[in-house]
Protein backbone atom coordinates (compact mmCIF):
# COMPACT_ATOMS: atom_id res chain seq x y z
CA UNK A 1 10.22 -4.61 -1.68
CA UNK A 2 10.29 -8.17 -0.36
CA UNK A 3 8.88 -11.12 -2.29
CA UNK A 4 6.08 -11.59 0.23
CA UNK A 5 5.04 -7.96 0.13
CA UNK A 6 5.06 -7.93 -3.69
CA UNK A 7 3.00 -11.14 -3.85
CA UNK A 8 0.42 -9.82 -1.36
CA UNK A 9 0.23 -6.53 -3.25
CA UNK A 10 -0.52 -8.39 -6.49
CA UNK A 11 -3.54 -10.04 -4.83
CA UNK A 12 -4.66 -6.87 -2.98
CA UNK A 13 -4.63 -4.93 -6.25
CA UNK A 14 -6.47 -7.79 -7.96
CA UNK A 15 -8.05 -5.83 -10.84
CA UNK A 16 -6.30 -2.45 -10.63
CA UNK A 17 -5.10 -1.55 -14.10
CA UNK A 18 -4.12 2.04 -13.25
CA UNK A 19 -0.81 3.17 -11.86
CA UNK A 20 2.63 1.70 -12.06
CA UNK A 21 4.54 -1.36 -10.83
CA UNK A 22 8.28 -1.46 -10.24
CA UNK A 23 10.43 -4.30 -11.51
CA UNK A 24 10.50 -5.88 -8.04
CA UNK A 25 6.74 -5.51 -7.69
CA UNK A 26 6.35 -7.35 -11.01
CA UNK A 27 9.07 -10.01 -10.93
CA UNK A 28 8.66 -11.27 -7.35
CA UNK A 29 5.06 -12.44 -7.96
CA UNK A 30 6.11 -13.95 -11.30
CA UNK A 31 8.79 -16.01 -9.54
CA UNK A 32 6.48 -16.98 -6.65
CA UNK A 33 3.80 -18.10 -9.12
CA UNK A 34 6.42 -20.16 -10.95
CA UNK A 35 7.51 -21.75 -7.66
CA UNK A 36 3.90 -22.64 -6.87
CA UNK A 37 2.85 -23.80 -10.34
CA UNK A 38 5.88 -25.93 -11.25
CA UNK A 39 5.37 -28.52 -8.48
CA UNK A 40 1.59 -28.39 -8.92
CA UNK A 41 1.92 -29.21 -12.60
CA UNK A 42 4.37 -32.02 -11.95
CA UNK A 43 1.97 -33.48 -9.39
CA UNK A 44 -1.00 -32.91 -11.69
CA UNK A 45 0.48 -35.03 -14.44
CA UNK A 46 2.21 -37.59 -12.25
CA UNK A 47 -0.27 -38.16 -9.45
CA UNK A 48 -4.00 -37.52 -9.29
CA UNK A 49 -6.64 -35.39 -10.90
CA UNK A 50 -7.04 -33.46 -7.65
CA UNK A 51 -3.74 -31.71 -8.33
CA UNK A 52 -4.87 -30.97 -11.88
CA UNK A 53 -7.99 -29.26 -10.51
CA UNK A 54 -5.90 -27.34 -7.95
CA UNK A 55 -3.50 -26.26 -10.68
CA UNK A 56 -6.36 -25.13 -12.93
CA UNK A 57 -8.04 -23.16 -10.14
CA UNK A 58 -4.80 -21.38 -9.25
CA UNK A 59 -4.18 -20.47 -12.90
CA UNK A 60 -7.75 -19.19 -13.33
CA UNK A 61 -7.57 -17.15 -10.14
CA UNK A 62 -4.29 -15.57 -11.26
CA UNK A 63 -5.29 -14.44 -14.76
CA UNK A 64 -6.80 -11.06 -13.81
CA UNK A 65 -4.18 -10.06 -11.20
CA UNK A 66 -1.38 -11.18 -13.52
CA UNK A 67 -2.78 -9.17 -16.40
CA UNK A 68 -3.31 -6.11 -14.17
CA UNK A 69 0.24 -6.41 -12.86
CA UNK A 70 1.62 -6.64 -16.41
CA UNK A 71 -0.32 -3.54 -17.44
CA UNK A 72 1.00 -1.61 -14.43
CA UNK A 73 4.55 -2.76 -15.26
CA UNK A 74 4.16 -1.48 -18.83
CA UNK A 75 2.84 1.81 -17.44
CA UNK A 76 6.05 2.10 -15.40
CA UNK A 77 8.00 2.06 -18.68
CA UNK A 78 5.62 4.76 -20.02
CA UNK A 79 3.85 2.40 -22.43
CA UNK A 80 0.19 1.67 -22.86
CA UNK A 81 -1.13 -1.46 -21.19
CA UNK A 82 -2.29 -2.65 -24.59
CA UNK A 83 1.31 -3.61 -25.34
CA UNK A 84 0.62 -6.85 -23.43
CA UNK A 85 -1.17 -8.06 -26.58
CA UNK A 86 2.20 -8.65 -28.26
CA UNK A 87 2.68 -11.41 -25.69
CA UNK A 88 0.06 -13.41 -27.60
CA UNK A 89 2.20 -13.56 -30.74
CA UNK A 90 4.75 -16.40 -30.72
CA UNK A 91 8.40 -15.29 -30.81
CA UNK A 92 7.35 -11.61 -30.71
CA UNK A 93 6.48 -12.18 -27.03
CA UNK A 94 10.20 -11.77 -26.30
CA UNK A 95 9.64 -8.02 -26.76
CA UNK A 96 7.18 -8.09 -23.86
CA UNK A 97 9.77 -9.84 -21.72
CA UNK A 98 12.32 -7.17 -22.58
CA UNK A 99 9.84 -4.39 -21.76
CA UNK A 100 9.20 -5.85 -18.30
CA UNK A 101 12.93 -5.99 -17.58
CA UNK A 102 13.62 -2.38 -18.59
CA UNK A 103 13.85 0.18 -15.79
CA UNK A 104 10.82 2.38 -15.24
CA UNK A 105 10.79 6.04 -16.13
CA UNK A 106 12.27 8.17 -13.35
CA UNK A 107 9.77 10.47 -11.69
CA UNK A 108 6.18 10.84 -12.72
CA UNK A 109 4.98 9.89 -16.18
CA UNK A 110 1.54 9.98 -17.81
CA UNK A 111 0.48 7.01 -15.63
CA UNK A 112 1.34 8.64 -12.33
CA UNK A 113 4.12 8.72 -9.77
CA UNK A 114 6.45 5.75 -9.32
CA UNK A 115 5.10 2.91 -7.16
CA UNK A 116 6.53 2.62 -3.68
């Protein structure tokens, strides 16, 4: 899956918490969001308030699709989406990072067939 396709899929499946997401489907949007937010935040703090507003709007718009994508990624590793809550605990959040890097379960699991 290309980065563009993965990024579009994240937005098309805005609030879909069912199903699974492959590593590529998860990590490409994460990297694209980082590439968008890093310059926006630099501009927000170095230039004008307009960039701060733009940055805030982009972050707000991305909360639900980012959370849904994380839940689908955890489903791919055959874990409940509630595991994302460990990301709220400092230092323990590393476990969430590790879980998103692990390969998904081969074949169908309790959350459905692998994402294509």
